[in-house]
Amino acid sequence: MDKTLTIYDTTLRDGTQREGLWLSCDDKLRIAQKLDELGVDYIEGGWPGSNPKDVEFFQRLDELDLSVAKIAAFGSTCRANSDPAEDANIQALIEANTPVCTIFGKSWTLHVTEVLKTTLEENQRIIFESVQYLKQQNKTVFYDAEHFFDGFKADPDYALSTLAAAQRGGADALVLCDTNGGCLPDEVAKIVSEVVSAFPNVEIGIHAHNDGECAVANSMIAVSSGATHIQGTINGYGERCGNANLCSIIPNLELKQNKACLPAGNLSRLYDVSHFVSEIANLAPEQHTAYIGVSAFAHKAGVHVAALQRNINSYQHIDPELVGNQMRTVVSELSGRGNLLNKALEFNIGETDKEDMKQVLDSIKLLESQGFSFESAEASVALMMHRRKKDYQPPFELIDFFATVEHRSGRGMVVEAMVKVQVNGETVHTIAEGNGPVNALDLALRKALLPFYPELDQFQLSDYKVRIIDGNSATAATTRVLLDTQNGHRRWSTVGASPNIIEASWLALADSIEYGLVTA
């Protein structure tokens, strides 16, 4: 494919306007480097006139080793009744020393008269002169027509006149912004087509927001209507409901419309870039996002898995490896034996008997009816399969346990647990204190097992989640515990469920340690 589209990433500016998202300057530099490795054309670094952190980012650009992307500084047109040469915002753009400047201006008469509090003619002037001044400084200038679609619907002639002002100033691209995010694809298609016809010699762009859940669709339809410059963010991060998600737009265009967005071969980096950005932003990745979510190619229904075993394309719209993702089989009460057979291969369990798999499947369905959930607890599933093997020897067997929580005068809370287990034919009885009953049980079990299994010292709890299954039962409700454990080079998840939260926690804890020891 010949590259015909321009990808402009605004994660570091528009994306950071998402509620709850914060990036340090170091974070922004790391993400910029990763975006360049992905192969986007432009990276909008921030608004240099708005805060010291963005000023620092532009001052440290020489720390980046960019091979593809160009950095853009973002700002606005000069203020009404002012000269661009004397405008602090415009001067900050120049001082950012980037090859590209992106400025926004008003397209909607409502914003001109009620927000800027100026005349329609003055708005046209500041657009024209701001773009012209930046071009005179040898900058590539992209003009973001803010609220363009709303402005066009209110007064199409005036909205087009603002684009004409930017064109006269020398803008390299006219970017149509659905700033409030409320437009529908049919509206975007009609308006973009009219703009493309009216400005045949200028690159037309799209900048969509997701308030109507149409940002990706609106970006796609804009391209089909003649736009060639696409703005968006990684993972759709952005203010309110977010921006157009480049992690959906790019593979849609490349794989479904045969339109190149990235350098050849780079699409397979998309999954890693998406998860890198979410990790740096300290935001949990959305599991069910198209293409790059961990559930995007996860198959749960038994009939689906059975069909996939016959033809890998039967329930997947693309090969997940094209975007750097992978297919997964999920085990649950909806599973068939095919799900378990796939899992047996994945867990390297070896030869599996069909009758054994049927009994494991029956157990899973029974336990899920009692509150267990195995979708995210694959280590518990693997243990069930291991335990069905005739030569399986568990590393330990529980005889008894108890846990007590007391409030003692002068000492406050005192928590103690006892564990009695059989290990290699020996009965071991240990007691430990902890800061809670689960911690005390964990410490007592480790005390019993460490002399036999020193590798247990590397096992660390990495997450502990509790969910109430039937809230109507109040404090008598069944509780599900999902426990994540890691040992430095791998991570696994186990589950327990019971009306007694201590028992639910013990089941997950014991499975976690048994699985880690069996598969060490």
Protein backbone atom coordinates (compact mmCIF):
# COMPACT_ATOMS: atom_id res chain seq x y z
CA MET A 1 0.00 0.00 0.00
CA ASP A 2 1.19 3.51 -0.80
CA LYS A 3 0.84 5.82 2.20
CA THR A 4 -1.86 8.36 1.40
CA LEU A 5 -3.11 9.34 4.87
CA THR A 6 -1.62 11.55 7.57
CA ILE A 7 -1.87 10.39 11.20
CA TYR A 8 -1.70 13.18 13.75
CA ASP A 9 -1.55 12.05 17.37
CA THR A 10 -2.75 14.39 20.11
CA THR A 11 -2.46 12.04 23.10
CA LEU A 12 0.06 14.33 24.82
CA ARG A 13 -2.23 17.36 24.56
CA ASP A 14 -5.90 16.53 24.01
CA GLY A 15 -5.50 13.09 25.60
CA THR A 16 -4.20 14.57 28.85
CA GLN A 17 -7.46 16.50 29.22
CA ARG A 18 -9.09 13.23 30.26
CA GLU A 19 -10.30 13.32 33.85
CA GLY A 20 -7.93 11.32 36.05
CA LEU A 21 -5.04 11.27 33.56
CA TRP A 22 -1.78 12.98 34.49
CA LEU A 23 1.59 12.76 32.77
CA SER A 24 4.93 14.13 33.91
CA CYS A 25 7.28 15.70 31.39
CA ASP A 26 9.37 12.50 31.48
CA ASP A 27 6.20 10.49 30.79
CA LYS A 28 5.40 12.65 27.77
CA LEU A 29 8.89 12.24 26.35
CA ARG A 30 8.72 8.44 26.74
CA ILE A 31 5.32 8.28 25.03
CA ALA A 32 6.50 10.54 22.21
CA GLN A 33 9.40 8.18 21.54
CA LYS A 34 6.99 5.22 21.47
CA LEU A 35 4.63 7.01 19.08
CA ASP A 36 7.54 7.65 16.74
CA GLU A 37 8.38 3.93 16.84
CA LEU A 38 4.76 3.23 15.88
CA GLY A 39 5.21 5.53 12.91
CA VAL A 40 2.68 8.34 13.31
CA ASP A 41 3.37 11.39 11.18
CA TYR A 42 2.85 14.10 13.78
CA ILE A 43 2.90 14.22 17.58
CA GLU A 44 1.18 17.15 19.23
CA GLY A 45 3.36 17.79 22.27
CA GLY A 46 1.23 20.26 24.18
CA TRP A 47 0.29 23.93 24.48
CA PRO A 48 3.51 25.81 25.29
CA GLY A 49 1.70 28.93 26.45
CA SER A 50 -0.53 27.13 28.95
CA ASN A 51 1.72 25.57 31.64
CA PRO A 52 5.38 25.13 32.67
CA LYS A 53 5.38 21.37 32.04
CA ASP A 54 4.59 21.82 28.35
CA VAL A 55 7.24 24.53 28.11
CA GLU A 56 9.72 22.03 29.59
CA PHE A 57 8.64 19.33 27.12
CA PHE A 58 9.49 21.52 24.14
CA GLN A 59 12.78 22.58 25.73
CA ARG A 60 13.80 18.91 26.08
CA LEU A 61 12.93 17.78 22.56
CA ASP A 62 16.59 17.20 21.77
CA GLU A 63 16.43 14.20 24.15
CA LEU A 64 14.22 12.41 21.63
CA ASP A 65 15.62 10.37 18.76
CA LEU A 66 12.76 10.63 16.27
CA SER A 67 12.94 8.90 12.93
CA VAL A 68 9.43 9.40 11.52
CA ALA A 69 7.29 11.83 13.49
CA LYS A 70 7.42 15.61 13.58
CA ILE A 71 6.51 17.44 16.79
CA ALA A 72 3.71 20.01 16.71
CA ALA A 73 3.09 22.79 19.21
CA PHE A 74 -0.57 23.66 19.83
CA GLY A 75 -2.17 27.02 20.49
CA SER A 76 -4.87 29.42 19.43
CA THR A 77 -5.17 32.29 17.04
CA CYS A 78 -4.15 35.66 18.41
CA ARG A 79 -6.64 37.50 20.58
CA ALA A 80 -9.28 39.70 19.03
CA ASN A 81 -8.12 43.26 18.31
CA SER A 82 -4.46 42.26 18.60
CA ASP A 83 -1.47 41.68 16.33
CA PRO A 84 -0.02 38.14 16.08
CA ALA A 85 3.50 39.56 16.37
CA GLU A 86 2.63 40.90 19.81
CA ASP A 87 0.46 38.01 21.01
CA ALA A 88 1.95 35.98 23.89
CA ASN A 89 0.30 32.73 22.75
CA ILE A 90 1.64 33.05 19.21
CA GLN A 91 5.09 33.93 20.48
CA ALA A 92 5.07 30.87 22.76
CA LEU A 93 4.41 28.71 19.70
CA ILE A 94 7.43 30.18 17.95
CA GLU A 95 9.63 29.80 21.04
CA ALA A 96 8.67 26.10 21.22
CA ASN A 97 10.92 25.77 18.17
CA THR A 98 8.93 22.97 16.52
CA PRO A 99 8.64 22.54 12.76
CA VAL A 100 4.84 22.39 13.03
CA CYS A 101 2.34 24.68 14.72
CA THR A 102 -1.33 23.80 15.06
CA ILE A 103 -3.69 26.63 15.95
CA PHE A 104 -7.43 26.59 16.48
CA GLY A 105 -9.94 29.27 15.69
CA LYS A 106 -13.68 29.81 15.82
CA SER A 107 -16.02 28.50 13.11
CA TRP A 108 -19.34 28.87 14.91
CA THR A 109 -21.02 32.26 15.04
CA LEU A 110 -22.22 31.47 18.59
CA HIS A 111 -18.62 31.22 19.77
CA VAL A 112 -17.51 34.30 17.89
CA THR A 113 -20.17 36.62 19.30
CA GLU A 114 -20.83 35.05 22.72
CA VAL A 115 -17.47 33.52 23.72
CA LEU A 116 -14.89 35.71 21.97
CA LYS A 117 -17.24 38.70 22.23
CA THR A 118 -16.09 40.05 18.89
CA THR A 119 -17.40 40.55 15.37
CA LEU A 120 -17.56 37.97 12.60
CA GLU A 121 -15.17 40.06 10.51
CA GLU A 122 -12.62 40.39 13.33
CA ASN A 123 -12.65 36.63 13.80
CA GLN A 124 -11.84 36.15 10.12
CA ARG A 125 -8.98 38.63 10.43
CA ILE A 126 -7.31 36.96 13.40
CA ILE A 127 -7.52 33.56 11.69
CA PHE A 128 -5.94 34.87 8.51
CA GLU A 129 -3.22 36.93 10.20
CA SER A 130 -2.32 34.26 12.77
CA VAL A 131 -1.82 31.59 10.11
CA GLN A 132 0.01 34.02 7.83
CA TYR A 133 2.36 35.15 10.60
CA LEU A 134 3.32 31.60 11.53
CA LYS A 135 3.90 30.73 7.87
CA GLN A 136 6.21 33.74 7.66
CA GLN A 137 8.24 32.11 10.45
CA ASN A 138 8.72 29.07 8.16
CA LYS A 139 6.34 26.85 10.10
CA THR A 140 4.10 24.12 8.76
CA VAL A 141 0.69 25.30 9.98
CA PHE A 142 -2.36 23.15 10.58
CA TYR A 143 -5.56 25.04 11.24
CA ASP A 144 -8.05 23.33 13.58
CA ALA A 145 -11.51 24.71 12.84
CA GLU A 146 -13.04 24.40 16.29
CA HIS A 147 -16.76 23.46 16.46
CA PHE A 148 -16.75 23.37 12.66
CA PHE A 149 -19.66 20.96 12.22
CA ASP A 150 -21.91 22.80 14.66
CA GLY A 151 -20.85 26.06 13.04
CA PHE A 152 -21.59 24.72 9.56
CA LYS A 153 -25.07 23.57 10.60
CA ALA A 154 -25.78 27.01 12.09
CA ASP A 155 -24.35 29.11 9.25
CA PRO A 156 -22.58 27.20 6.46
CA ASP A 157 -21.43 30.29 4.58
CA TYR A 158 -19.71 31.77 7.61
CA ALA A 159 -18.12 28.49 8.64
CA LEU A 160 -16.66 28.10 5.15
CA SER A 161 -15.45 31.70 5.22
CA THR A 162 -13.31 30.95 8.29
CA LEU A 163 -11.66 28.10 6.40
CA ALA A 164 -11.10 30.43 3.47
CA ALA A 165 -9.36 32.88 5.81
CA ALA A 166 -7.00 30.13 7.00
CA GLN A 167 -6.36 29.07 3.42
CA ARG A 168 -5.49 32.64 2.38
CA GLY A 169 -3.06 32.73 5.28
CA GLY A 170 -1.31 29.66 3.85
CA ALA A 171 -2.56 26.83 6.10
CA ASP A 172 -1.11 23.45 5.13
CA ALA A 173 -4.22 21.59 6.32
CA LEU A 174 -7.74 22.56 7.32
CA VAL A 175 -8.90 20.28 10.12
CA LEU A 176 -12.63 20.05 10.77
CA CYS A 177 -13.34 19.56 14.48
CA ASP A 178 -16.44 17.98 16.01
CA THR A 179 -15.49 19.63 19.28
CA ASN A 180 -18.68 18.82 21.18
CA GLY A 181 -18.67 15.28 19.78
CA GLY A 182 -22.37 15.21 18.95
CA CYS A 183 -22.39 14.78 15.17
CA LEU A 184 -23.56 11.63 13.44
CA PRO A 185 -21.77 9.95 10.52
CA ASP A 186 -24.28 11.01 7.87
CA GLU A 187 -23.83 14.66 8.88
CA VAL A 188 -20.05 14.35 8.85
CA ALA A 189 -20.08 12.69 5.41
CA LYS A 190 -22.21 15.45 3.89
CA ILE A 191 -20.26 18.34 5.41
CA VAL A 192 -16.78 16.93 4.71
CA SER A 193 -17.76 16.29 1.09
CA GLU A 194 -18.83 19.90 0.71
CA VAL A 195 -15.61 21.18 2.27
CA VAL A 196 -13.46 18.93 0.06
CA SER A 197 -15.29 20.28 -3.00
CA ALA A 198 -14.90 23.88 -1.83
CA PHE A 199 -11.16 23.54 -1.06
CA PRO A 200 -9.73 21.12 -3.64
CA ASN A 201 -6.11 22.23 -3.23
CA VAL A 202 -5.79 21.98 0.57
CA GLU A 203 -5.46 18.88 2.75
CA ILE A 204 -8.67 18.37 4.75
CA GLY A 205 -8.52 16.79 8.18
CA ILE A 206 -10.90 15.40 10.81
CA HIS A 207 -10.71 15.81 14.59
CA ALA A 208 -13.59 13.95 16.25
CA HIS A 209 -14.70 13.67 19.86
CA ASN A 210 -16.68 10.74 21.22
CA ASP A 211 -19.60 12.27 23.12
CA GLY A 212 -22.10 10.49 20.85
CA GLU A 213 -19.96 7.28 20.67
CA CYS A 214 -19.32 8.07 16.99
CA ALA A 215 -15.76 9.44 16.96
CA VAL A 216 -14.25 6.43 15.19
CA ALA A 217 -17.17 6.13 12.76
CA ASN A 218 -17.07 9.88 12.06
CA SER A 219 -13.33 9.72 11.36
CA MET A 220 -13.80 6.76 9.04
CA ILE A 221 -16.63 8.39 7.09
CA ALA A 222 -14.62 11.61 6.85
CA VAL A 223 -11.82 9.69 5.14
CA SER A 224 -14.33 8.07 2.79
CA SER A 225 -15.59 11.60 2.01
CA GLY A 226 -12.15 12.92 1.09
CA ALA A 227 -10.31 13.80 4.33
CA THR A 228 -6.70 12.63 4.40
CA HIS A 229 -5.47 14.05 7.72
CA ILE A 230 -6.73 12.18 10.81
CA GLN A 231 -6.33 13.43 14.37
CA GLY A 232 -6.92 11.25 17.41
CA THR A 233 -5.39 9.74 20.53
CA ILE A 234 -4.08 6.39 21.68
CA ASN A 235 -6.86 4.46 23.46
CA GLY A 236 -9.27 7.30 22.72
CA TYR A 237 -8.10 9.31 25.74
CA GLY A 238 -9.48 12.83 25.92
CA GLU A 239 -11.80 15.25 27.64
CA ARG A 240 -15.32 14.17 28.66
CA CYS A 241 -15.99 10.97 26.64
CA GLY A 242 -12.65 11.06 24.85
CA ASN A 243 -11.24 11.59 21.38
CA ALA A 244 -11.31 9.41 18.30
CA ASN A 245 -9.36 6.24 19.10
CA LEU A 246 -6.43 5.80 16.74
CA CYS A 247 -6.09 2.20 17.92
CA SER A 248 -9.37 1.46 16.12
CA ILE A 249 -9.13 3.93 13.24
CA ILE A 250 -5.69 2.85 12.02
CA PRO A 251 -6.38 -0.91 11.73
CA ASN A 252 -9.84 -0.22 10.28
CA LEU A 253 -8.28 1.84 7.51
CA GLU A 254 -5.30 -0.44 6.88
CA LEU A 255 -7.00 -3.82 7.14
CA LYS A 256 -10.52 -3.04 5.95
CA GLN A 257 -9.98 -0.28 3.38
CA ASN A 258 -6.42 -1.02 2.26
CA LYS A 259 -5.31 2.56 3.12
CA ALA A 260 -1.83 2.85 4.60
CA CYS A 261 -1.55 4.90 7.78
CA LEU A 262 1.77 3.65 9.20
CA PRO A 263 5.09 2.56 7.71
CA ALA A 264 4.92 -0.98 6.34
CA GLY A 265 5.00 -3.62 9.07
CA ASN A 266 4.37 -1.22 11.96
CA LEU A 267 0.72 -2.11 12.55
CA SER A 268 1.81 -5.13 14.62
CA ARG A 269 3.22 -2.69 17.21
CA LEU A 270 -0.21 -1.25 17.97
CA TYR A 271 -1.07 -3.53 20.91
CA ASP A 272 2.23 -2.81 22.66
CA VAL A 273 1.94 0.95 22.14
CA SER A 274 -1.62 0.99 23.47
CA HIS A 275 -0.68 -0.86 26.63
CA PHE A 276 2.54 1.13 27.06
CA VAL A 277 0.56 4.38 27.06
CA SER A 278 -2.04 3.07 29.51
CA GLU A 279 0.74 1.85 31.82
CA ILE A 280 2.54 5.21 31.77
CA ALA A 281 -0.79 7.00 32.32
CA ASN A 282 -1.52 4.64 35.25
CA LEU A 283 -4.87 3.71 33.76
CA ALA A 284 -6.11 0.14 33.54
CA PRO A 285 -6.38 -0.94 29.90
CA GLU A 286 -9.97 -1.37 28.71
CA GLN A 287 -10.18 -5.12 28.14
CA HIS A 288 -12.93 -5.05 25.54
CA THR A 289 -11.56 -2.36 23.22
CA ALA A 290 -11.57 -3.41 19.57
CA TYR A 291 -8.28 -4.72 18.19
CA ILE A 292 -6.05 -4.01 21.22
CA GLY A 293 -8.12 -5.13 24.23
CA VAL A 294 -7.04 -8.39 25.84
CA SER A 295 -10.61 -9.63 25.27
CA ALA A 296 -10.77 -8.50 21.64
CA PHE A 297 -9.98 -12.03 20.49
CA ALA A 298 -11.06 -13.97 23.59
CA HIS A 299 -13.50 -16.81 22.88
CA LYS A 300 -15.81 -18.07 25.61
CA ALA A 301 -18.77 -19.87 24.03
CA GLY A 302 -18.13 -23.56 23.47
CA VAL A 303 -19.63 -23.58 19.98
CA HIS A 304 -17.32 -20.72 18.99
CA VAL A 305 -14.21 -22.51 20.21
CA ALA A 306 -15.27 -25.72 18.48
CA ALA A 307 -15.70 -23.81 15.22
CA LEU A 308 -12.32 -22.08 15.63
CA GLN A 309 -10.64 -25.45 15.94
CA ARG A 310 -11.96 -26.27 12.48
CA ASN A 311 -11.29 -22.87 10.92
CA ILE A 312 -9.45 -20.07 12.71
CA ASN A 313 -11.41 -17.44 10.75
CA SER A 314 -14.83 -18.70 11.79
CA TYR A 315 -15.21 -16.29 14.74
CA GLN A 316 -12.48 -13.67 14.15
CA HIS A 317 -12.68 -10.74 11.77
CA ILE A 318 -8.86 -10.50 11.47
CA ASP A 319 -5.76 -12.40 12.50
CA PRO A 320 -5.01 -10.79 15.92
CA GLU A 321 -1.26 -10.96 15.30
CA LEU A 322 -1.67 -8.27 12.64
CA VAL A 323 -2.13 -5.72 15.44
CA GLY A 324 0.20 -7.47 17.90
CA ASN A 325 -2.64 -9.12 19.88
CA GLN A 326 -3.37 -12.82 20.33
CA MET A 327 -6.32 -15.18 20.46
CA ARG A 328 -7.37 -16.55 23.85
CA THR A 329 -9.80 -19.21 24.96
CA VAL A 330 -11.85 -18.33 28.05
CA VAL A 331 -13.12 -21.03 30.38
CA SER A 332 -16.53 -20.59 32.04
CA GLU A 333 -19.91 -22.25 32.46
CA LEU A 334 -20.52 -21.49 28.77
CA SER A 335 -17.47 -23.48 27.69
CA GLY A 336 -17.30 -26.76 25.85
CA ARG A 337 -14.59 -29.41 25.97
CA GLY A 338 -12.84 -27.59 23.13
CA ASN A 339 -12.14 -24.66 25.46
CA LEU A 340 -10.46 -26.97 27.95
CA LEU A 341 -8.49 -28.85 25.31
CA ASN A 342 -7.15 -25.51 24.08
CA LYS A 343 -6.26 -24.58 27.65
CA ALA A 344 -4.52 -27.91 28.20
CA LEU A 345 -2.27 -27.13 25.22
CA GLU A 346 -1.72 -23.58 26.46
CA PHE A 347 -0.78 -24.81 29.95
CA ASN A 348 1.44 -27.58 28.51
CA ILE A 349 -0.39 -30.19 30.57
CA GLY A 350 0.21 -32.96 28.07
CA GLU A 351 -2.08 -35.83 27.18
CA THR A 352 -5.66 -35.22 28.29
CA ASP A 353 -8.47 -37.74 28.57
CA LYS A 354 -11.82 -36.67 27.15
CA GLU A 355 -13.68 -38.08 30.14
CA ASP A 356 -11.38 -36.18 32.48
CA MET A 357 -12.05 -32.99 30.54
CA LYS A 358 -15.79 -33.62 30.79
CA GLN A 359 -15.54 -33.97 34.56
CA VAL A 360 -13.45 -30.80 34.84
CA LEU A 361 -16.00 -28.98 32.71
CA ASP A 362 -18.87 -30.27 34.87
CA SER A 363 -17.01 -29.08 37.97
CA ILE A 364 -16.48 -25.64 36.46
CA LYS A 365 -20.16 -25.28 35.63
CA LEU A 366 -21.18 -26.42 39.13
CA LEU A 367 -18.72 -24.09 40.85
CA GLU A 368 -19.74 -21.11 38.71
CA SER A 369 -23.34 -21.70 39.78
CA GLN A 370 -22.05 -21.32 43.36
CA GLY A 371 -20.29 -18.00 42.73
CA PHE A 372 -16.91 -18.94 41.26
CA SER A 373 -15.75 -17.32 38.03
CA PHE A 374 -12.88 -18.85 36.08
CA GLU A 375 -12.59 -16.37 33.21
CA SER A 376 -9.79 -14.45 34.95
CA ALA A 377 -8.55 -17.33 37.13
CA GLU A 378 -6.82 -19.55 34.63
CA ALA A 379 -4.41 -21.00 37.21
CA SER A 380 -7.39 -22.49 39.06
CA VAL A 381 -8.54 -24.10 35.81
CA ALA A 382 -5.06 -25.49 35.15
CA LEU A 383 -4.96 -26.99 38.65
CA MET A 384 -8.30 -28.72 38.08
CA MET A 385 -6.83 -30.35 34.99
CA HIS A 386 -3.59 -31.27 36.76
CA ARG A 387 -5.57 -32.89 39.58
CA ARG A 388 -7.38 -35.17 37.13
CA LYS A 389 -4.11 -36.76 36.01
CA LYS A 390 -3.57 -40.18 37.61
CA ASP A 391 0.05 -39.48 38.59
CA TYR A 392 -0.61 -36.06 40.11
CA GLN A 393 0.91 -35.52 43.56
CA PRO A 394 -0.16 -32.28 45.25
CA PRO A 395 2.72 -30.44 46.95
CA PHE A 396 0.67 -30.20 50.16
CA GLU A 397 -2.74 -31.17 51.54
CA LEU A 398 -4.79 -29.18 54.04
CA ILE A 399 -5.81 -30.86 57.27
CA ASP A 400 -7.08 -27.92 59.36
CA PHE A 401 -6.92 -24.17 59.58
CA PHE A 402 -8.40 -21.48 61.79
CA ALA A 403 -8.13 -17.70 61.97
CA THR A 404 -9.06 -15.44 64.89
CA VAL A 405 -9.50 -11.69 65.11
CA GLU A 406 -9.59 -10.13 68.57
CA HIS A 407 -9.50 -6.70 70.11
CA ARG A 408 -7.39 -6.86 73.27
CA SER A 409 -7.10 -4.13 75.83
CA GLY A 410 -3.74 -2.45 75.56
CA ARG A 411 -2.81 -4.24 72.31
CA GLY A 412 -5.64 -3.31 69.99
CA MET A 413 -6.34 -5.70 67.14
CA VAL A 414 -4.66 -9.11 67.33
CA VAL A 415 -4.99 -11.50 64.38
CA GLU A 416 -3.73 -15.07 64.51
CA ALA A 417 -3.99 -18.07 62.17
CA MET A 418 -3.16 -21.76 62.52
CA VAL A 419 -2.52 -24.07 59.58
CA LYS A 420 -2.06 -27.84 59.73
CA VAL A 421 -0.95 -29.42 56.43
CA GLN A 422 0.58 -32.66 55.24
CA VAL A 423 3.76 -32.27 53.18
CA ASN A 424 5.74 -35.21 51.81
CA GLY A 425 4.14 -37.53 54.35
CA GLU A 426 4.81 -35.19 57.30
CA THR A 427 2.17 -33.32 59.28
CA VAL A 428 3.24 -29.72 59.85
CA HIS A 429 1.43 -27.46 62.32
CA THR A 430 2.25 -23.71 62.28
CA ILE A 431 0.85 -20.50 63.77
CA ALA A 432 1.42 -16.93 62.63
CA GLU A 433 0.19 -13.44 63.41
CA GLY A 434 -0.74 -11.01 60.64
CA ASN A 435 -2.37 -7.67 60.01
CA GLY A 436 -5.54 -9.47 58.93
CA PRO A 437 -6.86 -13.01 58.75
CA VAL A 438 -5.81 -13.59 55.13
CA ASN A 439 -2.32 -12.25 55.78
CA ALA A 440 -2.03 -14.46 58.90
CA LEU A 441 -3.15 -17.56 56.94
CA ASP A 442 -0.67 -16.75 54.19
CA LEU A 443 2.19 -16.37 56.68
CA ALA A 444 1.27 -19.58 58.54
CA LEU A 445 1.09 -21.58 55.30
CA ARG A 446 4.41 -20.19 54.10
CA LYS A 447 6.01 -21.04 57.45
CA ALA A 448 4.85 -24.64 56.99
CA LEU A 449 5.95 -24.99 53.38
CA LEU A 450 9.18 -22.97 53.08
CA PRO A 451 11.47 -25.69 54.53
CA PHE A 452 10.24 -28.03 51.78
CA TYR A 453 9.87 -25.48 48.96
CA PRO A 454 12.36 -22.58 49.28
CA GLU A 455 11.18 -21.19 45.92
CA LEU A 456 7.99 -20.11 47.71
CA ASP A 457 9.98 -17.19 49.11
CA GLN A 458 9.78 -15.62 45.61
CA PHE A 459 5.97 -15.71 45.49
CA GLN A 460 4.41 -12.28 46.02
CA LEU A 461 0.78 -11.21 46.20
CA SER A 462 0.28 -8.65 43.41
CA ASP A 463 -3.50 -8.09 43.63
CA TYR A 464 -6.46 -9.12 45.77
CA LYS A 465 -9.99 -8.40 44.61
CA VAL A 466 -13.24 -9.06 46.47
CA ARG A 467 -16.68 -9.03 44.88
CA ILE A 468 -20.09 -9.58 46.46
CA ILE A 469 -22.14 -11.95 44.27
CA ASP A 470 -25.66 -11.60 45.68
CA GLY A 471 -25.94 -8.21 47.34
CA ASN A 472 -29.56 -8.78 48.38
CA SER A 473 -28.27 -11.22 51.02
CA ALA A 474 -26.43 -8.34 52.70
CA THR A 475 -23.63 -9.55 55.00
CA ALA A 476 -24.61 -13.19 54.33
CA ALA A 477 -23.81 -12.78 50.63
CA THR A 478 -21.49 -15.10 48.74
CA THR A 479 -18.10 -13.47 48.29
CA ARG A 480 -15.76 -14.09 45.37
CA VAL A 481 -12.03 -13.53 45.81
CA LEU A 482 -9.65 -13.19 42.86
CA LEU A 483 -6.01 -13.38 43.84
CA ASP A 484 -3.04 -12.53 41.60
CA THR A 485 0.43 -13.85 42.45
CA GLN A 486 3.80 -13.31 40.79
CA ASN A 487 7.33 -14.66 41.25
CA GLY A 488 9.40 -12.16 39.29
CA HIS A 489 9.03 -13.61 35.81
CA ARG A 490 5.38 -14.70 35.58
CA ARG A 491 1.98 -13.95 37.05
CA TRP A 492 -1.06 -16.15 37.68
CA SER A 493 -4.61 -15.76 38.99
CA THR A 494 -6.75 -18.01 41.20
CA VAL A 495 -10.31 -17.77 42.52
CA GLY A 496 -12.30 -18.77 45.58
CA ALA A 497 -15.95 -18.24 46.51
CA SER A 498 -17.94 -18.82 49.68
CA PRO A 499 -20.46 -17.09 51.96
CA ASN A 500 -17.45 -17.01 54.34
CA ILE A 501 -14.89 -14.49 53.04
CA ILE A 502 -12.07 -16.22 54.95
CA GLU A 503 -12.84 -19.55 53.25
CA ALA A 504 -13.09 -17.85 49.83
CA SER A 505 -9.71 -16.22 50.44
CA TRP A 506 -8.17 -19.50 51.62
CA LEU A 507 -9.35 -21.35 48.51
CA ALA A 508 -7.78 -18.72 46.25
CA LEU A 509 -4.61 -18.58 48.37
CA ALA A 510 -4.09 -22.34 48.54
CA ASP A 511 -4.67 -22.69 44.78
CA SER A 512 -2.23 -19.87 44.13
CA ILE A 513 0.59 -21.49 46.09
CA GLU A 514 -0.14 -24.99 44.76
CA TYR A 515 -0.16 -23.78 41.14
CA GLY A 516 3.08 -21.85 41.61
CA LEU A 517 4.83 -24.87 43.10
CA VAL A 518 3.48 -27.34 40.53
CA THR A 519 4.51 -25.21 37.56
CA ALA A 520 7.75 -23.75 38.93
